[in-house]
């Protein structure tokens, strides 16, 4: 992993190393700025333990062949962390999760990850509501800043995060020796 445009990236490329994936953008924001206009959303629930419904929504958002036990271990590791969710509206007590996000607090930082909204519920502000709920959770514990990572090919997501006040910090990529 190298910072895009760094001396290390250039040195490895001169040695014939090649990019193995799309670059990732790291965006940051002061929590006070992000939360100043965003109250905690009452429809967003926060738990500090991984729940089966949240895990199922995560698996649905990122279908892959990874061992579910390993995915669970990664998601549930390194407290303090929190899992935010919004359920579908309706009379059903077992309403399905339609949006999820994960937060991890490390000293003064909140890392936002696994932000996903079911496609038929997008463009309703659910992801923003979850990010705000996690922001309030982390701020109560002393976090002052937030960061998130997003693939650079996801231009609509990057634009949305910019509209929320996140700014570019850096980009990174993975390199490997050429075959």
N, C-alpha and C. Protein backbone atom coordinates (compact mmCIF):
# COMPACT_ATOMS: atom_id res chain seq x y z
N UNK A 1 0.85 -1.17 0.00
CA UNK A 1 0.00 0.00 0.00
C UNK A 1 0.89 1.22 0.00
N UNK A 2 0.64 2.13 -0.94
CA UNK A 2 1.43 3.36 -1.04
C UNK A 2 0.50 4.54 -1.25
N UNK A 3 0.94 5.69 -0.79
CA UNK A 3 0.21 6.92 -1.04
C UNK A 3 0.39 7.28 -2.51
N UNK A 4 -0.70 7.59 -3.18
CA UNK A 4 -0.64 7.93 -4.60
C UNK A 4 0.23 9.18 -4.80
N UNK A 5 1.18 9.10 -5.72
CA UNK A 5 2.07 10.22 -6.01
C UNK A 5 3.25 10.33 -5.07
N UNK A 6 3.41 9.40 -4.14
CA UNK A 6 4.49 9.48 -3.15
C UNK A 6 5.81 9.01 -3.76
N UNK A 7 6.93 9.39 -3.13
CA UNK A 7 8.23 8.89 -3.58
C UNK A 7 8.29 7.36 -3.56
N UNK A 8 7.64 6.73 -2.58
CA UNK A 8 7.64 5.27 -2.49
C UNK A 8 6.91 4.65 -3.70
N UNK A 9 5.80 5.26 -4.08
CA UNK A 9 5.07 4.75 -5.25
C UNK A 9 5.95 4.85 -6.49
N UNK A 10 6.57 6.01 -6.69
CA UNK A 10 7.41 6.20 -7.88
C UNK A 10 8.60 5.24 -7.88
N UNK A 11 9.21 5.03 -6.71
CA UNK A 11 10.36 4.13 -6.63
C UNK A 11 9.96 2.69 -6.97
N UNK A 12 8.83 2.24 -6.45
CA UNK A 12 8.38 0.88 -6.75
C UNK A 12 7.99 0.73 -8.22
N UNK A 13 7.37 1.77 -8.78
CA UNK A 13 7.00 1.71 -10.20
C UNK A 13 8.26 1.65 -11.08
N UNK A 14 9.32 2.36 -10.68
CA UNK A 14 10.57 2.29 -11.43
C UNK A 14 11.17 0.89 -11.38
N UNK A 15 10.87 0.15 -10.32
CA UNK A 15 11.33 -1.23 -10.19
C UNK A 15 10.41 -2.22 -10.90
N UNK A 16 9.37 -1.71 -11.54
CA UNK A 16 8.46 -2.56 -12.31
C UNK A 16 7.20 -2.99 -11.58
N UNK A 17 6.97 -2.48 -10.38
CA UNK A 17 5.75 -2.83 -9.66
C UNK A 17 4.56 -2.17 -10.36
N UNK A 18 3.42 -2.84 -10.30
CA UNK A 18 2.21 -2.35 -10.97
C UNK A 18 1.05 -2.30 -9.98
N UNK A 19 0.09 -1.46 -10.33
CA UNK A 19 -1.10 -1.31 -9.49
C UNK A 19 -1.94 -2.58 -9.57
N UNK A 20 -2.47 -3.01 -8.43
CA UNK A 20 -3.29 -4.23 -8.39
C UNK A 20 -4.77 -3.94 -8.28
N UNK A 21 -5.14 -2.69 -8.06
CA UNK A 21 -6.54 -2.35 -7.85
C UNK A 21 -6.72 -0.87 -8.12
N UNK A 22 -7.97 -0.44 -8.08
CA UNK A 22 -8.27 0.98 -8.23
C UNK A 22 -7.78 1.73 -6.99
N UNK A 23 -7.33 2.96 -7.16
CA UNK A 23 -6.94 3.75 -5.97
C UNK A 23 -8.15 3.98 -5.05
N UNK A 24 -7.84 4.24 -3.81
CA UNK A 24 -8.84 4.54 -2.80
C UNK A 24 -8.63 5.95 -2.31
N UNK A 25 -9.72 6.72 -2.18
CA UNK A 25 -9.66 8.08 -1.66
C UNK A 25 -9.97 8.05 -0.17
N UNK A 26 -9.20 8.80 0.60
CA UNK A 26 -9.45 8.97 2.02
C UNK A 26 -9.95 10.40 2.20
N UNK A 27 -11.15 10.54 2.74
CA UNK A 27 -11.79 11.84 2.95
C UNK A 27 -11.92 12.09 4.44
N UNK A 28 -11.80 13.35 4.86
CA UNK A 28 -11.85 13.69 6.28
C UNK A 28 -12.79 14.87 6.51
N UNK A 29 -13.23 14.98 7.76
CA UNK A 29 -14.07 16.12 8.17
C UNK A 29 -13.92 16.32 9.67
N UNK A 30 -14.05 17.57 10.09
CA UNK A 30 -14.17 17.83 11.53
C UNK A 30 -15.57 17.40 11.93
N UNK A 31 -15.69 16.64 12.99
CA UNK A 31 -17.01 16.18 13.43
C UNK A 31 -17.92 17.35 13.79
N UNK A 32 -17.36 18.37 14.43
CA UNK A 32 -18.19 19.53 14.80
C UNK A 32 -18.82 20.16 13.57
N UNK A 33 -18.08 20.26 12.47
CA UNK A 33 -18.62 20.83 11.24
C UNK A 33 -19.70 19.93 10.65
N UNK A 34 -19.43 18.63 10.62
CA UNK A 34 -20.38 17.69 10.04
C UNK A 34 -21.66 17.61 10.87
N UNK A 35 -21.52 17.61 12.20
CA UNK A 35 -22.68 17.43 13.07
C UNK A 35 -23.42 18.73 13.36
N UNK A 36 -22.82 19.87 13.04
CA UNK A 36 -23.45 21.16 13.38
C UNK A 36 -24.86 21.30 12.82
N UNK A 37 -25.10 20.72 11.66
CA UNK A 37 -26.42 20.84 11.03
C UNK A 37 -27.14 19.50 10.97
N UNK A 38 -26.66 18.52 11.75
CA UNK A 38 -27.26 17.18 11.69
C UNK A 38 -27.49 16.65 13.10
N UNK A 39 -28.74 16.60 13.48
CA UNK A 39 -29.11 16.00 14.76
C UNK A 39 -29.10 14.48 14.62
N UNK A 40 -29.06 13.81 15.74
CA UNK A 40 -29.14 12.35 15.72
C UNK A 40 -30.51 11.96 15.19
N UNK A 41 -30.54 11.09 14.22
CA UNK A 41 -31.77 10.66 13.56
C UNK A 41 -32.44 9.59 14.43
N UNK A 42 -33.70 9.81 14.84
CA UNK A 42 -34.35 8.82 15.72
C UNK A 42 -34.58 7.46 15.07
N UNK A 43 -34.63 7.39 13.74
CA UNK A 43 -34.85 6.10 13.10
C UNK A 43 -33.58 5.26 13.02
N UNK A 44 -32.44 5.87 13.29
CA UNK A 44 -31.17 5.15 13.25
C UNK A 44 -30.90 4.53 14.62
N UNK A 45 -30.64 3.24 14.63
CA UNK A 45 -30.28 2.58 15.88
C UNK A 45 -28.78 2.30 15.89
N UNK A 46 -28.21 2.37 17.08
CA UNK A 46 -26.78 2.12 17.27
C UNK A 46 -26.64 1.00 18.29
N UNK A 47 -25.83 0.02 17.96
CA UNK A 47 -25.45 -1.01 18.93
C UNK A 47 -23.94 -1.13 18.90
N UNK A 48 -23.39 -1.53 20.02
CA UNK A 48 -21.94 -1.71 20.08
C UNK A 48 -21.54 -3.16 19.94
N UNK A 49 -22.51 -4.00 19.65
CA UNK A 49 -22.22 -5.41 19.37
C UNK A 49 -22.83 -5.76 18.02
N UNK A 50 -22.15 -6.60 17.31
CA UNK A 50 -22.60 -7.03 15.98
C UNK A 50 -23.86 -7.89 16.14
N UNK A 51 -24.94 -7.49 15.48
CA UNK A 51 -26.21 -8.21 15.53
C UNK A 51 -26.38 -9.04 14.25
N UNK A 52 -27.05 -10.18 14.32
CA UNK A 52 -27.23 -11.03 13.13
C UNK A 52 -27.88 -10.29 11.95
N UNK A 53 -28.87 -9.45 12.21
CA UNK A 53 -29.52 -8.72 11.11
C UNK A 53 -28.56 -7.75 10.43
N UNK A 54 -27.71 -7.07 11.21
CA UNK A 54 -26.73 -6.15 10.64
C UNK A 54 -25.74 -6.93 9.78
N UNK A 55 -25.28 -8.05 10.34
CA UNK A 55 -24.32 -8.87 9.60
C UNK A 55 -24.93 -9.40 8.29
N UNK A 56 -26.19 -9.79 8.32
CA UNK A 56 -26.86 -10.27 7.11
C UNK A 56 -26.95 -9.15 6.07
N UNK A 57 -27.27 -7.93 6.51
CA UNK A 57 -27.33 -6.80 5.58
C UNK A 57 -25.96 -6.52 5.00
N UNK A 58 -24.92 -6.62 5.82
CA UNK A 58 -23.55 -6.42 5.34
C UNK A 58 -23.22 -7.45 4.27
N UNK A 59 -23.50 -8.72 4.54
CA UNK A 59 -23.21 -9.78 3.57
C UNK A 59 -23.98 -9.54 2.27
N UNK A 60 -25.21 -9.05 2.38
CA UNK A 60 -26.01 -8.74 1.18
C UNK A 60 -25.39 -7.57 0.40
N UNK A 61 -24.81 -6.61 1.11
CA UNK A 61 -24.24 -5.43 0.46
C UNK A 61 -22.93 -5.73 -0.27
N UNK A 62 -22.24 -6.78 0.15
CA UNK A 62 -20.94 -7.14 -0.42
C UNK A 62 -20.84 -8.64 -0.63
N UNK A 63 -21.62 -9.17 -1.56
CA UNK A 63 -21.58 -10.63 -1.75
C UNK A 63 -20.17 -11.08 -2.14
N UNK A 64 -19.69 -12.10 -1.45
CA UNK A 64 -18.38 -12.66 -1.77
C UNK A 64 -18.29 -14.06 -1.20
N UNK A 65 -17.21 -14.72 -1.47
CA UNK A 65 -17.04 -16.10 -1.02
C UNK A 65 -16.19 -16.21 0.25
N UNK A 66 -15.94 -15.08 0.90
CA UNK A 66 -15.12 -15.12 2.12
C UNK A 66 -15.83 -15.92 3.21
N UNK A 67 -15.06 -16.56 4.05
CA UNK A 67 -15.59 -17.32 5.18
C UNK A 67 -16.37 -16.36 6.09
N UNK A 68 -17.67 -16.57 6.30
CA UNK A 68 -18.46 -15.67 7.14
C UNK A 68 -17.90 -15.51 8.55
N UNK A 69 -17.28 -16.53 9.10
CA UNK A 69 -16.71 -16.43 10.44
C UNK A 69 -15.56 -15.42 10.47
N UNK A 70 -14.77 -15.39 9.40
CA UNK A 70 -13.66 -14.43 9.34
C UNK A 70 -14.20 -13.01 9.14
N UNK A 71 -15.20 -12.86 8.28
CA UNK A 71 -15.83 -11.54 8.09
C UNK A 71 -16.39 -11.05 9.42
N UNK A 72 -17.09 -11.92 10.14
CA UNK A 72 -17.67 -11.57 11.44
C UNK A 72 -16.58 -11.14 12.41
N UNK A 73 -15.46 -11.86 12.44
CA UNK A 73 -14.35 -11.53 13.33
C UNK A 73 -13.80 -10.14 13.01
N UNK A 74 -13.64 -9.82 11.72
CA UNK A 74 -13.12 -8.52 11.33
C UNK A 74 -14.10 -7.40 11.71
N UNK A 75 -15.37 -7.59 11.41
CA UNK A 75 -16.37 -6.57 11.71
C UNK A 75 -16.49 -6.31 13.21
N UNK A 76 -16.43 -7.36 14.01
CA UNK A 76 -16.69 -7.26 15.44
C UNK A 76 -15.44 -6.98 16.26
N UNK A 77 -14.29 -6.84 15.62
CA UNK A 77 -13.02 -6.65 16.31
C UNK A 77 -12.79 -5.19 16.68
N UNK A 78 -11.85 -4.98 17.55
CA UNK A 78 -11.30 -3.66 17.90
C UNK A 78 -12.32 -2.67 18.45
N UNK A 79 -12.89 -2.93 19.62
CA UNK A 79 -13.72 -1.90 20.23
C UNK A 79 -12.88 -0.67 20.53
N UNK A 80 -13.41 0.49 20.65
CA UNK A 80 -14.84 0.77 20.55
C UNK A 80 -15.28 0.90 19.09
N UNK A 81 -16.35 0.18 18.80
CA UNK A 81 -16.95 0.26 17.48
C UNK A 81 -18.46 0.18 17.66
N UNK A 82 -19.16 0.66 16.64
CA UNK A 82 -20.62 0.68 16.71
C UNK A 82 -21.20 0.34 15.35
N UNK A 83 -22.38 -0.21 15.38
CA UNK A 83 -23.09 -0.63 14.17
C UNK A 83 -24.40 0.16 14.11
N UNK A 84 -24.56 0.93 13.05
CA UNK A 84 -25.76 1.74 12.88
C UNK A 84 -26.65 1.10 11.83
N UNK A 85 -27.95 1.22 12.02
CA UNK A 85 -28.89 0.62 11.08
C UNK A 85 -30.19 1.41 11.05
N UNK A 86 -30.85 1.33 9.91
CA UNK A 86 -32.21 1.86 9.75
C UNK A 86 -33.05 0.74 9.18
N UNK A 87 -34.20 0.52 9.80
CA UNK A 87 -35.13 -0.52 9.37
C UNK A 87 -36.17 0.06 8.43
N UNK A 88 -36.74 -0.83 7.61
CA UNK A 88 -37.83 -0.41 6.73
C UNK A 88 -39.01 0.04 7.58
N UNK A 89 -39.77 0.98 7.07
CA UNK A 89 -40.94 1.50 7.77
C UNK A 89 -42.11 0.55 7.57
N UNK A 90 -42.94 0.42 8.56
CA UNK A 90 -44.12 -0.42 8.41
C UNK A 90 -44.49 -1.09 9.70
N UNK A 91 -45.58 -1.82 9.69
CA UNK A 91 -46.08 -2.42 10.92
C UNK A 91 -45.34 -3.69 11.34
N UNK A 92 -44.53 -4.24 10.48
CA UNK A 92 -43.85 -5.51 10.78
C UNK A 92 -42.78 -5.31 11.85
N UNK A 93 -42.90 -6.07 12.94
CA UNK A 93 -41.91 -5.98 14.02
C UNK A 93 -40.54 -6.46 13.59
N UNK A 94 -40.49 -7.25 12.53
CA UNK A 94 -39.22 -7.80 12.05
C UNK A 94 -38.84 -7.11 10.74
N UNK A 95 -39.00 -5.81 10.70
CA UNK A 95 -38.70 -5.06 9.48
C UNK A 95 -37.24 -5.26 9.09
N UNK A 96 -37.02 -5.30 7.81
CA UNK A 96 -35.70 -5.55 7.24
C UNK A 96 -34.82 -4.30 7.34
N UNK A 97 -33.52 -4.52 7.54
CA UNK A 97 -32.59 -3.39 7.53
C UNK A 97 -32.43 -2.91 6.10
N UNK A 98 -32.56 -1.60 5.91
CA UNK A 98 -32.45 -1.04 4.56
C UNK A 98 -31.21 -0.16 4.42
N UNK A 99 -30.52 0.12 5.53
CA UNK A 99 -29.29 0.91 5.48
C UNK A 99 -28.45 0.56 6.70
N UNK A 100 -27.14 0.47 6.48
CA UNK A 100 -26.21 0.15 7.57
C UNK A 100 -24.94 0.99 7.43
N UNK A 101 -24.24 1.11 8.54
CA UNK A 101 -22.91 1.74 8.56
C UNK A 101 -22.20 1.27 9.82
N UNK A 102 -20.89 1.26 9.77
CA UNK A 102 -20.07 0.86 10.91
C UNK A 102 -19.15 2.01 11.28
N UNK A 103 -18.99 2.24 12.56
CA UNK A 103 -18.07 3.26 13.04
C UNK A 103 -17.04 2.64 13.97
N UNK A 104 -15.84 3.14 13.91
CA UNK A 104 -14.78 2.71 14.81
C UNK A 104 -14.09 3.95 15.34
N UNK A 105 -14.00 4.05 16.67
CA UNK A 105 -13.35 5.22 17.27
C UNK A 105 -11.95 4.84 17.71
N UNK A 106 -10.99 5.66 17.32
CA UNK A 106 -9.61 5.48 17.73
C UNK A 106 -9.09 6.84 18.13
N UNK A 107 -8.94 7.01 19.43
CA UNK A 107 -8.55 8.30 20.00
C UNK A 107 -9.51 9.37 19.51
N UNK A 108 -9.04 10.40 18.84
CA UNK A 108 -9.91 11.49 18.42
C UNK A 108 -10.57 11.30 17.08
N UNK A 109 -10.48 10.12 16.50
CA UNK A 109 -10.99 9.89 15.16
C UNK A 109 -12.14 8.88 15.13
N UNK A 110 -13.10 9.14 14.26
CA UNK A 110 -14.15 8.19 13.94
C UNK A 110 -13.91 7.71 12.52
N UNK A 111 -13.71 6.42 12.37
CA UNK A 111 -13.61 5.82 11.04
C UNK A 111 -14.98 5.32 10.63
N UNK A 112 -15.47 5.78 9.50
CA UNK A 112 -16.76 5.36 8.97
C UNK A 112 -16.54 4.32 7.88
N UNK A 113 -17.27 3.23 7.93
CA UNK A 113 -17.08 2.15 6.97
C UNK A 113 -18.39 1.42 6.75
N UNK A 114 -18.38 0.56 5.75
CA UNK A 114 -19.53 -0.32 5.47
C UNK A 114 -20.82 0.47 5.31
N UNK A 115 -20.73 1.64 4.73
CA UNK A 115 -21.91 2.48 4.53
C UNK A 115 -22.65 1.94 3.31
N UNK A 116 -23.89 1.51 3.53
CA UNK A 116 -24.66 0.90 2.44
C UNK A 116 -26.14 1.16 2.65
N UNK A 117 -26.81 1.45 1.54
CA UNK A 117 -28.27 1.59 1.53
C UNK A 117 -28.81 0.68 0.44
N UNK A 118 -29.86 -0.04 0.78
CA UNK A 118 -30.49 -0.91 -0.20
C UNK A 118 -30.89 -0.07 -1.41
N UNK A 119 -30.65 -0.56 -2.62
CA UNK A 119 -30.88 0.26 -3.83
C UNK A 119 -32.27 0.90 -3.91
N UNK A 120 -33.31 0.22 -3.48
CA UNK A 120 -34.66 0.80 -3.58
C UNK A 120 -34.96 1.82 -2.48
N UNK A 121 -33.97 2.10 -1.61
CA UNK A 121 -34.14 3.11 -0.56
C UNK A 121 -33.10 4.24 -0.67
N UNK A 122 -32.37 4.28 -1.77
CA UNK A 122 -31.32 5.30 -1.92
C UNK A 122 -31.93 6.67 -2.22
N UNK A 123 -31.10 7.70 -2.02
CA UNK A 123 -31.44 9.09 -2.26
C UNK A 123 -32.54 9.60 -1.31
N UNK A 124 -32.54 9.06 -0.11
CA UNK A 124 -33.48 9.49 0.92
C UNK A 124 -32.76 10.03 2.16
N UNK A 125 -31.43 10.10 2.10
CA UNK A 125 -30.66 10.61 3.23
C UNK A 125 -30.38 9.59 4.33
N UNK A 126 -30.62 8.31 4.04
CA UNK A 126 -30.42 7.29 5.08
C UNK A 126 -28.95 7.13 5.45
N UNK A 127 -28.06 7.10 4.46
CA UNK A 127 -26.63 6.97 4.75
C UNK A 127 -26.14 8.18 5.57
N UNK A 128 -26.60 9.36 5.22
CA UNK A 128 -26.22 10.55 5.97
C UNK A 128 -26.72 10.46 7.40
N UNK A 129 -27.95 9.96 7.58
CA UNK A 129 -28.50 9.80 8.93
C UNK A 129 -27.67 8.84 9.75
N UNK A 130 -27.23 7.75 9.13
CA UNK A 130 -26.40 6.79 9.85
C UNK A 130 -25.04 7.38 10.20
N UNK A 131 -24.45 8.10 9.26
CA UNK A 131 -23.16 8.74 9.52
C UNK A 131 -23.29 9.74 10.67
N UNK A 132 -24.39 10.49 10.71
CA UNK A 132 -24.62 11.45 11.80
C UNK A 132 -24.80 10.73 13.13
N UNK A 133 -25.56 9.63 13.12
CA UNK A 133 -25.76 8.88 14.36
C UNK A 133 -24.42 8.37 14.89
N UNK A 134 -23.59 7.83 14.01
CA UNK A 134 -22.27 7.36 14.42
C UNK A 134 -21.39 8.54 14.85
N UNK A 135 -21.53 9.67 14.18
CA UNK A 135 -20.78 10.86 14.56
C UNK A 135 -21.12 11.31 15.97
N UNK A 136 -22.41 11.33 16.31
CA UNK A 136 -22.81 11.70 17.67
C UNK A 136 -22.31 10.67 18.69
N UNK A 137 -22.38 9.40 18.34
CA UNK A 137 -21.87 8.33 19.22
C UNK A 137 -20.39 8.57 19.51
N UNK A 138 -19.61 8.83 18.48
CA UNK A 138 -18.17 9.02 18.65
C UNK A 138 -17.84 10.34 19.36
N UNK A 139 -18.59 11.40 19.04
CA UNK A 139 -18.33 12.69 19.67
C UNK A 139 -18.55 12.62 21.18
N UNK A 140 -19.56 11.85 21.62
CA UNK A 140 -19.79 11.69 23.06
C UNK A 140 -18.60 11.00 23.74
N UNK A 141 -17.79 10.31 22.95
CA UNK A 141 -16.61 9.63 23.49
C UNK A 141 -15.33 10.42 23.23
N UNK A 142 -15.46 11.63 22.75
CA UNK A 142 -14.30 12.49 22.58
C UNK A 142 -13.72 12.58 21.18
N UNK A 143 -14.32 11.93 20.20
CA UNK A 143 -13.81 12.03 18.83
C UNK A 143 -14.03 13.45 18.30
N UNK A 144 -13.08 13.95 17.54
CA UNK A 144 -13.18 15.30 16.98
C UNK A 144 -13.17 15.30 15.46
N UNK A 145 -12.74 14.21 14.85
CA UNK A 145 -12.61 14.14 13.40
C UNK A 145 -13.21 12.84 12.90
N UNK A 146 -13.55 12.82 11.62
CA UNK A 146 -14.05 11.61 10.98
C UNK A 146 -13.32 11.40 9.67
N UNK A 147 -13.17 10.15 9.30
CA UNK A 147 -12.59 9.82 8.00
C UNK A 147 -13.37 8.65 7.41
N UNK A 148 -13.29 8.55 6.12
CA UNK A 148 -13.85 7.40 5.40
C UNK A 148 -13.01 7.16 4.18
N UNK A 149 -13.13 5.95 3.66
CA UNK A 149 -12.39 5.55 2.47
C UNK A 149 -13.38 5.11 1.42
N UNK A 150 -13.12 5.49 0.18
CA UNK A 150 -14.04 5.15 -0.91
C UNK A 150 -13.22 4.93 -2.18
N UNK A 151 -13.61 3.93 -2.95
CA UNK A 151 -12.92 3.67 -4.22
C UNK A 151 -13.06 4.89 -5.13
N UNK A 152 -11.97 5.27 -5.78
CA UNK A 152 -12.00 6.46 -6.62
C UNK A 152 -12.92 6.29 -7.84
N UNK A 153 -13.25 5.05 -8.19
CA UNK A 153 -14.17 4.84 -9.31
C UNK A 153 -15.60 5.13 -8.91
N UNK A 154 -15.86 5.29 -7.63
CA UNK A 154 -17.20 5.59 -7.13
C UNK A 154 -17.38 7.11 -7.05
N UNK A 155 -17.34 7.75 -8.21
CA UNK A 155 -17.42 9.21 -8.26
C UNK A 155 -18.71 9.77 -7.65
N UNK A 156 -19.88 9.14 -7.84
CA UNK A 156 -21.08 9.67 -7.18
C UNK A 156 -20.97 9.67 -5.66
N UNK A 157 -20.36 8.63 -5.09
CA UNK A 157 -20.19 8.58 -3.64
C UNK A 157 -19.24 9.68 -3.18
N UNK A 158 -18.15 9.85 -3.89
CA UNK A 158 -17.19 10.90 -3.52
C UNK A 158 -17.86 12.27 -3.58
N UNK A 159 -18.63 12.52 -4.63
CA UNK A 159 -19.35 13.80 -4.74
C UNK A 159 -20.32 13.98 -3.58
N UNK A 160 -21.01 12.92 -3.20
CA UNK A 160 -21.96 13.00 -2.08
C UNK A 160 -21.23 13.32 -0.78
N UNK A 161 -20.08 12.67 -0.54
CA UNK A 161 -19.32 12.94 0.67
C UNK A 161 -18.78 14.38 0.67
N UNK A 162 -18.38 14.88 -0.48
CA UNK A 162 -17.95 16.28 -0.57
C UNK A 162 -19.10 17.21 -0.20
N UNK A 163 -20.32 16.91 -0.68
CA UNK A 163 -21.48 17.76 -0.34
C UNK A 163 -21.75 17.74 1.16
N UNK A 164 -21.37 16.67 1.84
CA UNK A 164 -21.55 16.58 3.29
C UNK A 164 -20.43 17.29 4.05
N UNK A 165 -19.44 17.81 3.33
CA UNK A 165 -18.37 18.55 3.97
C UNK A 165 -17.06 17.80 4.13
N UNK A 166 -17.00 16.58 3.65
CA UNK A 166 -15.73 15.85 3.70
C UNK A 166 -14.81 16.37 2.62
N UNK A 167 -13.52 16.42 2.92
CA UNK A 167 -12.54 16.90 1.95
C UNK A 167 -11.50 15.80 1.70
N UNK A 168 -10.86 15.87 0.54
CA UNK A 168 -9.83 14.90 0.19
C UNK A 168 -8.63 15.07 1.11
N UNK A 169 -8.15 13.97 1.63
CA UNK A 169 -6.93 13.98 2.44
C UNK A 169 -5.78 13.37 1.63
N UNK A 170 -5.98 12.15 1.14
CA UNK A 170 -4.99 11.51 0.28
C UNK A 170 -5.65 10.33 -0.43
N UNK A 171 -4.91 9.77 -1.35
CA UNK A 171 -5.33 8.55 -2.04
C UNK A 171 -4.22 7.52 -1.92
N UNK A 172 -4.63 6.27 -1.85
CA UNK A 172 -3.63 5.22 -1.80
C UNK A 172 -4.01 4.12 -2.78
N UNK A 173 -3.03 3.29 -3.06
CA UNK A 173 -3.24 2.15 -3.96
C UNK A 173 -2.33 1.01 -3.52
N UNK A 174 -2.63 -0.16 -4.04
CA UNK A 174 -1.80 -1.32 -3.76
C UNK A 174 -0.96 -1.64 -5.00
N UNK A 175 0.31 -1.91 -4.77
CA UNK A 175 1.23 -2.29 -5.84
C UNK A 175 1.75 -3.69 -5.57
N UNK A 176 2.11 -4.36 -6.65
CA UNK A 176 2.72 -5.70 -6.53
C UNK A 176 3.76 -5.83 -7.64
N UNK A 177 4.73 -6.74 -7.45
CA UNK A 177 5.71 -6.95 -8.52
C UNK A 177 5.00 -7.44 -9.79
N UNK A 178 5.51 -7.01 -10.92
CA UNK A 178 4.94 -7.46 -12.20
C UNK A 178 5.18 -8.96 -12.35
N UNK A 179 4.28 -9.62 -13.02
CA UNK A 179 4.41 -11.08 -13.22
C UNK A 179 5.47 -11.35 -14.26
